[in-house]
Amino acid sequence: SRCNFRCTMCQVSDWDKGQRARDMKFEEYKSLIDSNPQLIEIKLQGMGEPLLHKDFIRMIEYASAKDIWVRTVINGSLLHIRKHIERLIDSGVGEVQASFDGANKEVFESIRRKSNFEKVVDNFTNLNKYANKKDRPYTRMWVVLQQQNRHQLIDFVELAKKMEFRRLTFSLSLGDWG
């Protein structure tokens, strides 16, 4: 529950230092998973960027080894470090949802403050190049349509193709985020 971005539509941006709580320790996570043998699917992410957690990929591996399908949401900013691309896809993850809320630098960085459009595009492109060599689609571009980006609907489709996403979801919230 912490993030390195300060997105305009996200409550994390209002938290002190972009963090709500401490990171769950790996042993606590294992205990939670082990005490719930009925689990068949989890979304391993709260609010924020899960790759900031030092044991995040290890957590996916642990759940996956117990035949739990794991979905997560990332912002793409940290994929270029610590071999995150390969480790994430090879972890047994079921789906990686790639948050992406602006189809060009100006809109993206105005919504996803403290971000770098070019770096995120490059990271997601490299993630998809690696993932698309595998046996099934792992990634999904996920766009929250809002006042600042709704005019870019077609641009998102073209950008998703350029970044080699095979799937794209538009999320609509009629009451929040503009």
N, C-alpha and C. Protein backbone atom coordinates (compact mmCIF):
# COMPACT_ATOMS: atom_id res chain seq x y z
N SER A 1 0.83 -1.20 0.00
CA SER A 1 0.00 0.00 0.00
C SER A 1 0.87 1.25 0.00
N ARG A 2 1.72 1.32 -1.01
CA ARG A 2 2.51 2.53 -1.23
C ARG A 2 2.81 2.64 -2.72
N CYS A 3 3.14 3.83 -3.14
CA CYS A 3 3.35 4.05 -4.57
C CYS A 3 4.40 5.11 -4.81
N ASN A 4 5.03 5.01 -5.97
CA ASN A 4 6.02 5.99 -6.38
C ASN A 4 5.41 7.05 -7.32
N PHE A 5 4.16 6.88 -7.73
CA PHE A 5 3.44 7.88 -8.51
C PHE A 5 2.47 8.61 -7.60
N ARG A 6 1.95 9.72 -8.07
CA ARG A 6 0.92 10.48 -7.37
C ARG A 6 -0.21 10.78 -8.36
N CYS A 7 -0.93 9.74 -8.73
CA CYS A 7 -1.96 9.86 -9.76
C CYS A 7 -3.13 10.70 -9.27
N THR A 8 -3.68 11.48 -10.20
CA THR A 8 -4.73 12.43 -9.85
C THR A 8 -5.98 11.75 -9.33
N MET A 9 -6.27 10.55 -9.76
CA MET A 9 -7.52 9.88 -9.40
C MET A 9 -7.36 8.92 -8.23
N CYS A 10 -6.18 8.82 -7.66
CA CYS A 10 -5.90 7.76 -6.69
C CYS A 10 -5.74 8.30 -5.27
N GLN A 11 -6.33 7.59 -4.34
CA GLN A 11 -6.25 7.98 -2.94
C GLN A 11 -4.85 7.88 -2.36
N VAL A 12 -3.99 7.06 -2.95
CA VAL A 12 -2.62 6.92 -2.46
C VAL A 12 -1.92 8.28 -2.47
N SER A 13 -2.25 9.09 -3.45
CA SER A 13 -1.62 10.41 -3.58
C SER A 13 -1.86 11.30 -2.38
N ASP A 14 -2.93 11.03 -1.65
CA ASP A 14 -3.26 11.84 -0.47
C ASP A 14 -2.63 11.31 0.82
N TRP A 15 -2.05 10.12 0.78
CA TRP A 15 -1.46 9.54 1.98
C TRP A 15 -0.08 10.13 2.23
N ASP A 16 0.28 10.24 3.49
CA ASP A 16 1.59 10.76 3.87
C ASP A 16 2.68 9.91 3.22
N LYS A 17 3.53 10.53 2.43
CA LYS A 17 4.62 9.86 1.72
C LYS A 17 4.11 8.77 0.78
N GLY A 18 2.86 8.86 0.35
CA GLY A 18 2.30 7.89 -0.58
C GLY A 18 2.22 6.48 -0.02
N GLN A 19 2.06 6.38 1.30
CA GLN A 19 2.02 5.06 1.94
C GLN A 19 0.94 5.03 3.01
N ARG A 20 0.15 3.95 3.01
CA ARG A 20 -0.94 3.80 3.98
C ARG A 20 -0.50 2.95 5.17
N ALA A 21 0.27 1.90 4.92
CA ALA A 21 0.64 0.94 5.96
C ALA A 21 1.99 0.34 5.62
N ARG A 22 2.54 -0.37 6.55
CA ARG A 22 3.81 -1.04 6.28
C ARG A 22 3.58 -2.21 5.32
N ASP A 23 4.63 -2.64 4.68
CA ASP A 23 4.53 -3.81 3.81
C ASP A 23 4.31 -5.07 4.65
N MET A 24 3.49 -5.96 4.15
CA MET A 24 3.28 -7.24 4.82
C MET A 24 4.57 -8.05 4.72
N LYS A 25 5.00 -8.61 5.82
CA LYS A 25 6.19 -9.45 5.82
C LYS A 25 5.88 -10.78 5.13
N PHE A 26 6.89 -11.35 4.51
CA PHE A 26 6.70 -12.59 3.76
C PHE A 26 6.15 -13.70 4.65
N GLU A 27 6.62 -13.79 5.87
CA GLU A 27 6.13 -14.85 6.78
C GLU A 27 4.65 -14.64 7.11
N GLU A 28 4.23 -13.38 7.25
CA GLU A 28 2.80 -13.10 7.48
C GLU A 28 1.97 -13.52 6.27
N TYR A 29 2.48 -13.23 5.11
CA TYR A 29 1.81 -13.59 3.86
C TYR A 29 1.67 -15.11 3.75
N LYS A 30 2.76 -15.82 4.01
CA LYS A 30 2.72 -17.28 3.96
C LYS A 30 1.67 -17.83 4.93
N SER A 31 1.62 -17.28 6.12
CA SER A 31 0.66 -17.71 7.13
C SER A 31 -0.77 -17.46 6.64
N LEU A 32 -1.00 -16.33 6.04
CA LEU A 32 -2.33 -16.00 5.51
C LEU A 32 -2.73 -16.99 4.40
N ILE A 33 -1.83 -17.24 3.48
CA ILE A 33 -2.10 -18.18 2.39
C ILE A 33 -2.33 -19.58 2.96
N ASP A 34 -1.45 -20.01 3.85
CA ASP A 34 -1.54 -21.37 4.40
C ASP A 34 -2.79 -21.58 5.24
N SER A 35 -3.29 -20.53 5.86
CA SER A 35 -4.48 -20.68 6.72
C SER A 35 -5.78 -20.57 5.92
N ASN A 36 -5.66 -20.43 4.61
CA ASN A 36 -6.84 -20.34 3.74
C ASN A 36 -6.71 -21.31 2.56
N PRO A 37 -6.79 -22.61 2.83
CA PRO A 37 -6.58 -23.60 1.77
C PRO A 37 -7.66 -23.57 0.69
N GLN A 38 -8.75 -22.87 0.92
CA GLN A 38 -9.81 -22.77 -0.06
C GLN A 38 -9.50 -21.78 -1.19
N LEU A 39 -8.44 -21.00 -1.04
CA LEU A 39 -8.10 -19.99 -2.05
C LEU A 39 -7.80 -20.63 -3.39
N ILE A 40 -8.41 -20.06 -4.43
CA ILE A 40 -8.09 -20.50 -5.78
C ILE A 40 -7.61 -19.33 -6.64
N GLU A 41 -7.87 -18.11 -6.17
CA GLU A 41 -7.46 -16.92 -6.91
C GLU A 41 -7.26 -15.76 -5.94
N ILE A 42 -6.21 -14.96 -6.20
CA ILE A 42 -5.99 -13.74 -5.41
C ILE A 42 -5.54 -12.61 -6.34
N LYS A 43 -5.85 -11.41 -5.92
CA LYS A 43 -5.29 -10.22 -6.57
C LYS A 43 -4.25 -9.69 -5.60
N LEU A 44 -3.00 -9.88 -5.96
CA LEU A 44 -1.90 -9.53 -5.07
C LEU A 44 -1.45 -8.10 -5.36
N GLN A 45 -2.21 -7.18 -4.81
CA GLN A 45 -1.94 -5.75 -4.96
C GLN A 45 -3.03 -5.03 -4.21
N GLY A 46 -2.67 -3.97 -3.55
CA GLY A 46 -3.67 -3.15 -2.89
C GLY A 46 -3.79 -1.87 -3.67
N MET A 47 -3.52 -0.77 -3.03
CA MET A 47 -3.44 0.51 -3.72
C MET A 47 -1.95 0.82 -3.79
N GLY A 48 -1.47 1.07 -4.97
CA GLY A 48 -0.06 1.40 -5.09
C GLY A 48 0.68 0.48 -6.04
N GLU A 49 1.99 0.53 -5.98
CA GLU A 49 2.86 -0.23 -6.88
C GLU A 49 3.47 -1.41 -6.14
N PRO A 50 3.03 -2.64 -6.43
CA PRO A 50 3.50 -3.81 -5.68
C PRO A 50 4.98 -4.13 -5.87
N LEU A 51 5.58 -3.72 -6.98
CA LEU A 51 7.00 -4.02 -7.18
C LEU A 51 7.90 -3.23 -6.22
N LEU A 52 7.34 -2.32 -5.44
CA LEU A 52 8.11 -1.65 -4.39
C LEU A 52 8.38 -2.60 -3.23
N HIS A 53 7.59 -3.65 -3.10
CA HIS A 53 7.76 -4.63 -2.01
C HIS A 53 8.89 -5.59 -2.39
N LYS A 54 9.86 -5.74 -1.52
CA LYS A 54 11.04 -6.55 -1.85
C LYS A 54 10.72 -8.02 -2.06
N ASP A 55 9.64 -8.53 -1.49
CA ASP A 55 9.29 -9.93 -1.63
C ASP A 55 8.10 -10.17 -2.56
N PHE A 56 7.72 -9.18 -3.33
CA PHE A 56 6.51 -9.29 -4.14
C PHE A 56 6.54 -10.50 -5.08
N ILE A 57 7.59 -10.65 -5.83
CA ILE A 57 7.65 -11.76 -6.79
C ILE A 57 7.73 -13.10 -6.04
N ARG A 58 8.40 -13.11 -4.95
CA ARG A 58 8.44 -14.31 -4.11
C ARG A 58 7.03 -14.68 -3.62
N MET A 59 6.22 -13.68 -3.33
CA MET A 59 4.83 -13.91 -2.91
C MET A 59 4.02 -14.55 -4.03
N ILE A 60 4.20 -14.07 -5.26
CA ILE A 60 3.52 -14.68 -6.40
C ILE A 60 3.95 -16.14 -6.53
N GLU A 61 5.24 -16.38 -6.46
CA GLU A 61 5.77 -17.74 -6.59
C GLU A 61 5.18 -18.67 -5.53
N TYR A 62 5.06 -18.16 -4.31
CA TYR A 62 4.53 -18.98 -3.22
C TYR A 62 3.08 -19.37 -3.48
N ALA A 63 2.27 -18.40 -3.85
CA ALA A 63 0.85 -18.68 -4.13
C ALA A 63 0.71 -19.58 -5.35
N SER A 64 1.46 -19.30 -6.38
CA SER A 64 1.39 -20.09 -7.60
C SER A 64 1.78 -21.55 -7.35
N ALA A 65 2.76 -21.76 -6.49
CA ALA A 65 3.18 -23.13 -6.15
C ALA A 65 2.07 -23.89 -5.43
N LYS A 66 1.12 -23.16 -4.87
CA LYS A 66 -0.03 -23.78 -4.19
C LYS A 66 -1.26 -23.80 -5.11
N ASP A 67 -1.02 -23.64 -6.40
CA ASP A 67 -2.08 -23.66 -7.42
C ASP A 67 -3.12 -22.55 -7.23
N ILE A 68 -2.68 -21.40 -6.73
CA ILE A 68 -3.53 -20.23 -6.60
C ILE A 68 -3.23 -19.31 -7.79
N TRP A 69 -4.29 -18.96 -8.51
CA TRP A 69 -4.14 -18.07 -9.66
C TRP A 69 -3.96 -16.65 -9.15
N VAL A 70 -2.89 -15.98 -9.59
CA VAL A 70 -2.54 -14.66 -9.08
C VAL A 70 -2.66 -13.61 -10.19
N ARG A 71 -3.39 -12.56 -9.87
CA ARG A 71 -3.50 -11.39 -10.74
C ARG A 71 -2.85 -10.22 -9.98
N THR A 72 -2.24 -9.31 -10.72
CA THR A 72 -1.68 -8.13 -10.10
C THR A 72 -1.82 -6.94 -11.03
N VAL A 73 -1.62 -5.76 -10.48
CA VAL A 73 -1.67 -4.50 -11.23
C VAL A 73 -0.38 -3.75 -10.96
N ILE A 74 0.30 -3.34 -12.02
CA ILE A 74 1.55 -2.58 -11.88
C ILE A 74 1.48 -1.31 -12.70
N ASN A 75 2.35 -0.35 -12.36
CA ASN A 75 2.38 0.90 -13.13
C ASN A 75 3.51 0.94 -14.16
N GLY A 76 4.35 -0.07 -14.20
CA GLY A 76 5.38 -0.17 -15.22
C GLY A 76 6.66 0.57 -14.96
N SER A 77 6.74 1.28 -13.87
CA SER A 77 7.90 2.14 -13.62
C SER A 77 9.15 1.38 -13.16
N LEU A 78 8.98 0.18 -12.63
CA LEU A 78 10.11 -0.53 -12.03
C LEU A 78 10.49 -1.82 -12.76
N LEU A 79 9.94 -2.04 -13.91
CA LEU A 79 10.19 -3.29 -14.63
C LEU A 79 11.63 -3.44 -15.11
N HIS A 80 12.31 -2.35 -15.32
CA HIS A 80 13.66 -2.36 -15.88
C HIS A 80 14.74 -2.71 -14.83
N ILE A 81 14.38 -2.82 -13.56
CA ILE A 81 15.39 -3.11 -12.54
C ILE A 81 15.23 -4.53 -12.01
N ARG A 82 16.30 -5.08 -11.50
CA ARG A 82 16.34 -6.39 -10.84
C ARG A 82 15.69 -7.51 -11.66
N LYS A 83 15.81 -7.42 -12.98
CA LYS A 83 15.24 -8.45 -13.87
C LYS A 83 13.76 -8.69 -13.59
N HIS A 84 13.04 -7.63 -13.22
CA HIS A 84 11.63 -7.76 -12.90
C HIS A 84 10.81 -8.34 -14.04
N ILE A 85 11.15 -8.00 -15.28
CA ILE A 85 10.36 -8.50 -16.41
C ILE A 85 10.36 -10.02 -16.42
N GLU A 86 11.53 -10.61 -16.47
CA GLU A 86 11.63 -12.06 -16.54
C GLU A 86 11.10 -12.71 -15.27
N ARG A 87 11.48 -12.16 -14.14
CA ARG A 87 11.06 -12.75 -12.86
C ARG A 87 9.55 -12.70 -12.69
N LEU A 88 8.93 -11.61 -13.10
CA LEU A 88 7.48 -11.48 -12.95
C LEU A 88 6.75 -12.49 -13.83
N ILE A 89 7.09 -12.56 -15.10
CA ILE A 89 6.41 -13.49 -16.00
C ILE A 89 6.71 -14.94 -15.63
N ASP A 90 7.92 -15.23 -15.21
CA ASP A 90 8.30 -16.60 -14.87
C ASP A 90 7.87 -17.02 -13.47
N SER A 91 7.25 -16.12 -12.73
CA SER A 91 6.86 -16.39 -11.33
C SER A 91 5.65 -17.32 -11.20
N GLY A 92 4.93 -17.51 -12.30
CA GLY A 92 3.68 -18.26 -12.23
C GLY A 92 2.48 -17.34 -12.18
N VAL A 93 2.69 -16.05 -12.35
CA VAL A 93 1.59 -15.09 -12.32
C VAL A 93 0.55 -15.45 -13.38
N GLY A 94 -0.72 -15.25 -13.02
CA GLY A 94 -1.79 -15.52 -13.97
C GLY A 94 -2.02 -14.37 -14.93
N GLU A 95 -2.07 -13.15 -14.38
CA GLU A 95 -2.29 -11.97 -15.23
C GLU A 95 -1.62 -10.76 -14.60
N VAL A 96 -0.98 -9.97 -15.45
CA VAL A 96 -0.39 -8.70 -15.06
C VAL A 96 -1.20 -7.61 -15.75
N GLN A 97 -1.90 -6.83 -14.95
CA GLN A 97 -2.66 -5.69 -15.49
C GLN A 97 -1.75 -4.47 -15.45
N ALA A 98 -1.58 -3.87 -16.59
CA ALA A 98 -0.69 -2.73 -16.74
C ALA A 98 -1.49 -1.44 -16.73
N SER A 99 -1.44 -0.70 -15.63
CA SER A 99 -2.16 0.57 -15.53
C SER A 99 -1.54 1.58 -16.46
N PHE A 100 -2.37 2.19 -17.29
CA PHE A 100 -1.85 3.14 -18.27
C PHE A 100 -2.94 4.13 -18.61
N ASP A 101 -2.81 5.37 -18.19
CA ASP A 101 -3.93 6.30 -18.26
C ASP A 101 -3.71 7.54 -19.12
N GLY A 102 -2.78 7.49 -20.03
CA GLY A 102 -2.60 8.60 -20.97
C GLY A 102 -1.90 8.08 -22.21
N ALA A 103 -2.42 8.38 -23.39
CA ALA A 103 -1.87 7.84 -24.63
C ALA A 103 -0.73 8.67 -25.21
N ASN A 104 -0.38 9.76 -24.54
CA ASN A 104 0.80 10.53 -24.91
C ASN A 104 1.44 11.08 -23.64
N LYS A 105 2.63 11.62 -23.79
CA LYS A 105 3.41 12.09 -22.64
C LYS A 105 2.65 13.14 -21.82
N GLU A 106 2.08 14.12 -22.50
CA GLU A 106 1.42 15.22 -21.80
C GLU A 106 0.27 14.72 -20.92
N VAL A 107 -0.62 13.92 -21.48
CA VAL A 107 -1.77 13.44 -20.72
C VAL A 107 -1.34 12.43 -19.66
N PHE A 108 -0.47 11.50 -20.04
CA PHE A 108 -0.01 10.48 -19.10
C PHE A 108 0.62 11.10 -17.86
N GLU A 109 1.57 11.99 -18.07
CA GLU A 109 2.29 12.58 -16.94
C GLU A 109 1.45 13.59 -16.17
N SER A 110 0.40 14.13 -16.77
CA SER A 110 -0.48 15.01 -16.01
C SER A 110 -1.41 14.21 -15.09
N ILE A 111 -1.75 12.99 -15.48
CA ILE A 111 -2.57 12.11 -14.65
C ILE A 111 -1.69 11.33 -13.67
N ARG A 112 -0.64 10.76 -14.18
CA ARG A 112 0.27 9.93 -13.38
C ARG A 112 1.49 10.79 -13.00
N ARG A 113 1.25 11.67 -12.04
CA ARG A 113 2.31 12.59 -11.61
C ARG A 113 3.49 11.80 -11.04
N LYS A 114 4.68 12.34 -11.24
CA LYS A 114 5.95 11.72 -10.83
C LYS A 114 6.30 10.52 -11.70
N SER A 115 5.70 10.44 -12.89
CA SER A 115 5.97 9.33 -13.79
C SER A 115 6.86 9.77 -14.95
N ASN A 116 7.25 8.82 -15.76
CA ASN A 116 8.05 9.08 -16.96
C ASN A 116 7.44 8.26 -18.09
N PHE A 117 6.71 8.91 -18.99
CA PHE A 117 5.98 8.26 -20.06
C PHE A 117 6.88 7.34 -20.89
N GLU A 118 8.01 7.86 -21.34
CA GLU A 118 8.89 7.08 -22.21
C GLU A 118 9.40 5.82 -21.51
N LYS A 119 9.78 5.94 -20.25
CA LYS A 119 10.29 4.79 -19.51
C LYS A 119 9.21 3.73 -19.33
N VAL A 120 7.99 4.16 -19.00
CA VAL A 120 6.90 3.20 -18.80
C VAL A 120 6.53 2.52 -20.11
N VAL A 121 6.48 3.28 -21.21
CA VAL A 121 6.20 2.67 -22.52
C VAL A 121 7.28 1.64 -22.85
N ASP A 122 8.52 2.00 -22.66
CA ASP A 122 9.64 1.08 -22.93
C ASP A 122 9.55 -0.16 -22.05
N ASN A 123 9.27 0.03 -20.76
CA ASN A 123 9.18 -1.10 -19.84
C ASN A 123 8.04 -2.05 -20.21
N PHE A 124 6.86 -1.50 -20.51
CA PHE A 124 5.74 -2.36 -20.88
C PHE A 124 5.98 -3.05 -22.23
N THR A 125 6.62 -2.36 -23.16
CA THR A 125 6.96 -2.99 -24.44
C THR A 125 7.89 -4.17 -24.21
N ASN A 126 8.90 -3.98 -23.39
CA ASN A 126 9.83 -5.08 -23.10
C ASN A 126 9.17 -6.21 -22.34
N LEU A 127 8.26 -5.87 -21.43
CA LEU A 127 7.50 -6.90 -20.72
C LEU A 127 6.72 -7.75 -21.71
N ASN A 128 6.05 -7.11 -22.65
CA ASN A 128 5.26 -7.84 -23.63
C ASN A 128 6.11 -8.63 -24.60
N LYS A 129 7.24 -8.10 -25.00
CA LYS A 129 8.14 -8.87 -25.87
C LYS A 129 8.53 -10.19 -25.21
N TYR A 130 8.82 -10.13 -23.92
CA TYR A 130 9.18 -11.35 -23.19
C TYR A 130 7.95 -12.24 -22.98
N ALA A 131 6.86 -11.66 -22.51
CA ALA A 131 5.66 -12.44 -22.20
C ALA A 131 5.06 -13.08 -23.44
N ASN A 132 5.10 -12.40 -24.56
CA ASN A 132 4.47 -12.91 -25.78
C ASN A 132 5.21 -14.10 -26.39
N LYS A 133 6.40 -14.40 -25.89
CA LYS A 133 7.12 -15.60 -26.33
C LYS A 133 6.63 -16.85 -25.60
N LYS A 134 5.80 -16.65 -24.59
CA LYS A 134 5.32 -17.74 -23.74
C LYS A 134 4.06 -18.37 -24.33
N ASP A 135 3.46 -19.26 -23.57
CA ASP A 135 2.37 -20.10 -24.04
C ASP A 135 0.98 -19.46 -24.02
N ARG A 136 0.84 -18.28 -23.43
CA ARG A 136 -0.49 -17.67 -23.31
C ARG A 136 -0.33 -16.18 -23.04
N PRO A 137 -1.42 -15.42 -23.18
CA PRO A 137 -1.31 -13.99 -22.87
C PRO A 137 -1.22 -13.77 -21.35
N TYR A 138 -0.22 -13.06 -20.93
CA TYR A 138 -0.01 -12.77 -19.51
C TYR A 138 -0.43 -11.36 -19.14
N THR A 139 -0.37 -10.46 -20.10
CA THR A 139 -0.54 -9.04 -19.78
C THR A 139 -1.84 -8.49 -20.35
N ARG A 140 -2.29 -7.41 -19.72
CA ARG A 140 -3.48 -6.69 -20.17
C ARG A 140 -3.24 -5.21 -19.87
N MET A 141 -3.37 -4.38 -20.90
CA MET A 141 -3.31 -2.93 -20.67
C MET A 141 -4.65 -2.52 -20.07
N TRP A 142 -4.58 -1.74 -18.99
CA TRP A 142 -5.79 -1.36 -18.25
C TRP A 142 -5.84 0.16 -18.18
N VAL A 143 -6.87 0.74 -18.79
CA VAL A 143 -7.01 2.19 -18.86
C VAL A 143 -8.24 2.62 -18.08
N VAL A 144 -8.06 3.54 -17.14
CA VAL A 144 -9.19 4.16 -16.47
C VAL A 144 -9.55 5.40 -17.29
N LEU A 145 -10.67 5.33 -17.98
CA LEU A 145 -11.11 6.49 -18.76
C LEU A 145 -11.64 7.56 -17.82
N GLN A 146 -11.22 8.78 -18.06
CA GLN A 146 -11.60 9.91 -17.22
C GLN A 146 -11.59 11.18 -18.07
N GLN A 147 -11.98 12.28 -17.50
CA GLN A 147 -12.09 13.51 -18.28
C GLN A 147 -10.81 13.85 -19.03
N GLN A 148 -9.67 13.66 -18.39
CA GLN A 148 -8.40 14.08 -19.00
C GLN A 148 -7.97 13.21 -20.18
N ASN A 149 -8.49 11.96 -20.29
CA ASN A 149 -7.97 11.08 -21.34
C ASN A 149 -9.05 10.48 -22.26
N ARG A 150 -10.31 10.78 -22.02
CA ARG A 150 -11.37 10.11 -22.79
C ARG A 150 -11.31 10.42 -24.28
N HIS A 151 -10.72 11.53 -24.64
CA HIS A 151 -10.57 11.87 -26.05
C HIS A 151 -9.51 11.00 -26.75
N GLN A 152 -8.78 10.19 -25.99
CA GLN A 152 -7.70 9.37 -26.54
C GLN A 152 -8.09 7.91 -26.75
N LEU A 153 -9.35 7.62 -26.79
CA LEU A 153 -9.82 6.24 -26.88
C LEU A 153 -9.12 5.47 -28.00
N ILE A 154 -9.15 5.97 -29.20
CA ILE A 154 -8.51 5.30 -30.34
C ILE A 154 -6.99 5.29 -30.18
N ASP A 155 -6.43 6.36 -29.63
CA ASP A 155 -4.98 6.43 -29.41
C ASP A 155 -4.52 5.32 -28.46
N PHE A 156 -5.34 4.99 -27.47
CA PHE A 156 -4.99 3.89 -26.56
C PHE A 156 -4.89 2.56 -27.30
N VAL A 157 -5.81 2.34 -28.21
CA VAL A 157 -5.79 1.09 -28.99
C VAL A 157 -4.51 1.01 -29.80
N GLU A 158 -4.16 2.10 -30.46
CA GLU A 158 -2.94 2.13 -31.27
C GLU A 158 -1.69 1.97 -30.41
N LEU A 159 -1.68 2.62 -29.25
CA LEU A 159 -0.53 2.51 -28.35
C LEU A 159 -0.40 1.09 -27.78
N ALA A 160 -1.53 0.49 -27.43
CA ALA A 160 -1.51 -0.89 -26.93
C ALA A 160 -0.89 -1.82 -27.97
N LYS A 161 -1.27 -1.64 -29.22
CA LYS A 161 -0.69 -2.46 -30.30
C LYS A 161 0.81 -2.20 -30.42
N LYS A 162 1.20 -0.94 -30.37
CA LYS A 162 2.63 -0.59 -30.46
C LYS A 162 3.43 -1.23 -29.33
N MET A 163 2.85 -1.27 -28.13
CA MET A 163 3.55 -1.86 -26.97
C MET A 163 3.38 -3.39 -26.92
N GLU A 164 2.71 -3.95 -27.94
CA GLU A 164 2.54 -5.39 -28.09
C GLU A 164 1.63 -6.03 -27.04
N PHE A 165 0.68 -5.26 -26.53
CA PHE A 165 -0.35 -5.86 -25.68
C PHE A 165 -1.29 -6.65 -26.57
N ARG A 166 -1.75 -7.78 -26.09
CA ARG A 166 -2.74 -8.58 -26.81
C ARG A 166 -4.15 -8.30 -26.31
N ARG A 167 -4.25 -7.68 -25.14
CA ARG A 167 -5.55 -7.39 -24.54
C ARG A 167 -5.55 -5.98 -23.96
N LEU A 168 -6.72 -5.34 -24.03
CA LEU A 168 -6.88 -3.97 -23.54
C LEU A 168 -8.25 -3.86 -22.89
N THR A 169 -8.29 -3.30 -21.69
CA THR A 169 -9.55 -3.07 -20.99
C THR A 169 -9.68 -1.59 -20.68
N PHE A 170 -10.87 -1.06 -20.96
CA PHE A 170 -11.19 0.30 -20.56
C PHE A 170 -12.08 0.21 -19.34
N SER A 171 -11.67 0.84 -18.26
CA SER A 171 -12.44 0.87 -17.04
C SER A 171 -13.19 2.20 -16.97
N LEU A 172 -14.48 2.11 -16.74
CA LEU A 172 -15.31 3.31 -16.65
C LEU A 172 -15.86 3.43 -15.25
N SER A 173 -15.73 4.59 -14.68
CA SER A 173 -16.35 4.86 -13.40
C SER A 173 -17.23 6.08 -13.60
N LEU A 174 -18.52 5.87 -13.55
CA LEU A 174 -19.43 6.96 -13.87
C LEU A 174 -19.61 7.94 -12.71
N GLY A 175 -19.14 7.59 -11.52
CA GLY A 175 -19.33 8.47 -10.38
C GLY A 175 -18.04 9.07 -9.85
N ASP A 176 -16.92 8.45 -10.14
CA ASP A 176 -15.63 8.91 -9.61
C ASP A 176 -14.72 9.33 -10.74
N TRP A 177 -13.61 9.95 -10.41
CA TRP A 177 -12.51 10.25 -11.31
C TRP A 177 -12.95 11.02 -12.54
N GLY A 178 -13.93 11.88 -12.41
CA GLY A 178 -14.34 12.73 -13.51
C GLY A 178 -15.32 12.09 -14.44
